Amino acid sequence: VSISDLIDVYSGVLIRIGGVSLSACFMPSDSTLSKTALTSLGLQPAVIQALSRKSAIVQSNLFLVSTEAQMLTCIEDHFPAVGYLNDPTETDKVQPCF
């Protein structure tokens, strides 16, 4: 997954990895972690949250979570998926990205 893939998937663009759609998990736009992670990609957290609501009508690969525990579960449940956590985490379905 490249940085441009991260930017695209969080912008609502369909990204495929090995023929499977990449999903993106994120926290509410007022979360400090969201502000840090998404602005580092040049994205606005509030826009991502609006996109997820809008795309609830159509197929979406954006998933809103409230806590880091939910973020980890979201990444695992929607594999392949990207997300962000305060601390690097590594499992069979979660690998540190950046």
C-alpha atoms as a PDB file:
ATOM      1  CA  VAL A   1       0.000   0.000   0.000  1.00  0.00           C
ATOM      2  CA  SER A   2       1.490   3.309  -1.067  1.00  0.00           C
ATOM      3  CA  ILE A   3       0.931   6.760   0.417  1.00  0.00           C
ATOM      4  CA  SER A   4      -1.162   7.660  -2.634  1.00  0.00           C
ATOM      5  CA  ASP A   5      -3.292   4.532  -1.973  1.00  0.00           C
ATOM      6  CA  LEU A   6      -3.850   5.728   1.603  1.00  0.00           C
ATOM      7  CA  ILE A   7      -4.858   9.176   0.417  1.00  0.00           C
ATOM      8  CA  ASP A   8      -7.172   7.700  -2.217  1.00  0.00           C
ATOM      9  CA  VAL A   9      -8.901   5.169   0.041  1.00  0.00           C
ATOM     10  CA  TYR A  10      -9.532   7.817   2.718  1.00  0.00           C
ATOM     11  CA  SER A  11     -10.893  10.072  -0.050  1.00  0.00           C
ATOM     12  CA  GLY A  12     -13.463   7.440  -1.006  1.00  0.00           C
ATOM     13  CA  VAL A  13     -11.660   6.130  -4.098  1.00  0.00           C
ATOM     14  CA  LEU A  14     -11.926   2.372  -4.660  1.00  0.00           C
ATOM     15  CA  ILE A  15      -8.466   0.806  -4.331  1.00  0.00           C
ATOM     16  CA  ARG A  16      -7.871  -2.867  -5.061  1.00  0.00           C
ATOM     17  CA  ILE A  17      -5.095  -5.026  -3.676  1.00  0.00           C
ATOM     18  CA  GLY A  18      -4.823  -8.417  -5.310  1.00  0.00           C
ATOM     19  CA  GLY A  19      -8.344  -7.970  -6.685  1.00  0.00           C
ATOM     20  CA  VAL A  20      -9.812  -7.217  -3.228  1.00  0.00           C
ATOM     21  CA  SER A  21     -11.069  -3.779  -2.216  1.00  0.00           C
ATOM     22  CA  LEU A  22      -8.960  -1.957   0.373  1.00  0.00           C
ATOM     23  CA  SER A  23     -10.965  -0.582   3.307  1.00  0.00           C
ATOM     24  CA  ALA A  24     -10.162   2.348   5.587  1.00  0.00           C
ATOM     25  CA  CYS A  25     -11.074   2.656   9.245  1.00  0.00           C
ATOM     26  CA  PHE A  26     -11.102   6.051  10.934  1.00  0.00           C
ATOM     27  CA  MET A  27     -12.178   7.829  14.109  1.00  0.00           C
ATOM     28  CA  PRO A  28     -14.461  10.886  14.370  1.00  0.00           C
ATOM     29  CA  SER A  29     -13.062  14.123  13.001  1.00  0.00           C
ATOM     30  CA  ASP A  30     -12.751  15.659  16.477  1.00  0.00           C
ATOM     31  CA  SER A  31     -10.397  12.871  17.611  1.00  0.00           C
ATOM     32  CA  THR A  32      -6.820  14.044  18.171  1.00  0.00           C
ATOM     33  CA  LEU A  33      -5.564  10.827  16.612  1.00  0.00           C
ATOM     34  CA  SER A  34      -7.665  11.455  13.474  1.00  0.00           C
ATOM     35  CA  LYS A  35      -6.443  15.011  13.198  1.00  0.00           C
ATOM     36  CA  THR A  36      -2.823  13.882  13.462  1.00  0.00           C
ATOM     37  CA  ALA A  37      -3.043  10.847  11.172  1.00  0.00           C
ATOM     38  CA  LEU A  38      -5.248  12.242   8.422  1.00  0.00           C
ATOM     39  CA  THR A  39      -3.728  15.723   8.260  1.00  0.00           C
ATOM     40  CA  SER A  40      -0.309  14.064   7.889  1.00  0.00           C
ATOM     41  CA  LEU A  41      -1.725  12.710   4.598  1.00  0.00           C
ATOM     42  CA  GLY A  42      -2.998  16.173   3.643  1.00  0.00           C
ATOM     43  CA  LEU A  43      -6.622  15.199   4.336  1.00  0.00           C
ATOM     44  CA  GLN A  44      -9.306  16.901   6.389  1.00  0.00           C
ATOM     45  CA  PRO A  45     -10.861  14.567   8.999  1.00  0.00           C
ATOM     46  CA  ALA A  46     -14.271  16.282   8.752  1.00  0.00           C
ATOM     47  CA  VAL A  47     -14.347  15.633   4.999  1.00  0.00           C
ATOM     48  CA  ILE A  48     -13.601  11.920   5.545  1.00  0.00           C
ATOM     49  CA  GLN A  49     -16.435  11.702   8.068  1.00  0.00           C
ATOM     50  CA  ALA A  50     -18.834  13.415   5.628  1.00  0.00           C
ATOM     51  CA  LEU A  51     -17.750  11.052   2.844  1.00  0.00           C
ATOM     52  CA  SER A  52     -18.495   8.024   5.005  1.00  0.00           C
ATOM     53  CA  ARG A  53     -22.020   9.287   5.739  1.00  0.00           C
ATOM     54  CA  LYS A  54     -22.652  10.132   2.090  1.00  0.00           C
ATOM     55  CA  SER A  55     -21.332   6.816   0.844  1.00  0.00           C
ATOM     56  CA  ALA A  56     -23.515   4.860   3.271  1.00  0.00           C
ATOM     57  CA  ILE A  57     -26.044   4.975   0.423  1.00  0.00           C
ATOM     58  CA  VAL A  58     -23.609   3.351  -1.999  1.00  0.00           C
ATOM     59  CA  GLN A  59     -20.906   0.762  -1.421  1.00  0.00           C
ATOM     60  CA  SER A  60     -18.361   2.211   0.941  1.00  0.00           C
ATOM     61  CA  ASN A  61     -15.000   1.083   2.154  1.00  0.00           C
ATOM     62  CA  LEU A  62     -14.852   3.759   4.878  1.00  0.00           C
ATOM     63  CA  PHE A  63     -15.693   2.606   8.400  1.00  0.00           C
ATOM     64  CA  LEU A  64     -16.176   4.929  11.370  1.00  0.00           C
ATOM     65  CA  VAL A  65     -15.063   3.677  14.798  1.00  0.00           C
ATOM     66  CA  SER A  66     -14.947   5.351  18.207  1.00  0.00           C
ATOM     67  CA  THR A  67     -11.977   3.815  20.020  1.00  0.00           C
ATOM     68  CA  GLU A  68      -8.567   2.348  19.282  1.00  0.00           C
ATOM     69  CA  ALA A  69      -9.888  -1.112  20.234  1.00  0.00           C
ATOM     70  CA  GLN A  70     -12.633  -0.695  17.625  1.00  0.00           C
ATOM     71  CA  MET A  71     -10.014   0.540  15.137  1.00  0.00           C
ATOM     72  CA  LEU A  72      -8.009  -2.644  15.576  1.00  0.00           C
ATOM     73  CA  THR A  73     -11.127  -4.798  15.203  1.00  0.00           C
ATOM     74  CA  CYS A  74     -12.189  -2.822  12.113  1.00  0.00           C
ATOM     75  CA  ILE A  75      -8.808  -3.333  10.444  1.00  0.00           C
ATOM     76  CA  GLU A  76      -8.944  -7.061  11.168  1.00  0.00           C
ATOM     77  CA  ASP A  77     -12.615  -7.471  10.171  1.00  0.00           C
ATOM     78  CA  HIS A  78     -12.283  -5.588   6.871  1.00  0.00           C
ATOM     79  CA  PHE A  79      -8.889  -7.014   5.848  1.00  0.00           C
ATOM     80  CA  PRO A  80      -7.226  -5.726   3.754  1.00  0.00           C
ATOM     81  CA  ALA A  81      -7.745  -2.463   5.584  1.00  0.00           C
ATOM     82  CA  VAL A  82      -5.820   0.536   6.823  1.00  0.00           C
ATOM     83  CA  GLY A  83      -6.265   2.532  10.001  1.00  0.00           C
ATOM     84  CA  TYR A  84      -4.230   4.292  12.650  1.00  0.00           C
ATOM     85  CA  LEU A  85      -3.351   3.664  16.273  1.00  0.00           C
ATOM     86  CA  ASN A  86      -1.233   5.479  18.857  1.00  0.00           C
ATOM     87  CA  ASP A  87       1.165   2.553  19.175  1.00  0.00           C
ATOM     88  CA  PRO A  88       2.493   0.230  16.459  1.00  0.00           C
ATOM     89  CA  THR A  89       0.528  -3.017  16.508  1.00  0.00           C
ATOM     90  CA  GLU A  90       1.342  -6.233  14.713  1.00  0.00           C
ATOM     91  CA  THR A  91      -0.900  -9.278  14.236  1.00  0.00           C
ATOM     92  CA  ASP A  92      -1.505 -11.654  11.340  1.00  0.00           C
ATOM     93  CA  LYS A  93      -3.903  -9.050   9.835  1.00  0.00           C
ATOM     94  CA  VAL A  94      -2.372  -5.813  11.155  1.00  0.00           C
ATOM     95  CA  GLN A  95       1.059  -4.540  10.190  1.00  0.00           C
ATOM     96  CA  PRO A  96       2.651  -1.150  10.928  1.00  0.00           C
ATOM     97  CA  CYS A  97       2.399   1.093   7.879  1.00  0.00           C
ATOM     98  CA  PHE A  98       3.966   4.473   8.684  1.00  0.00           C
END
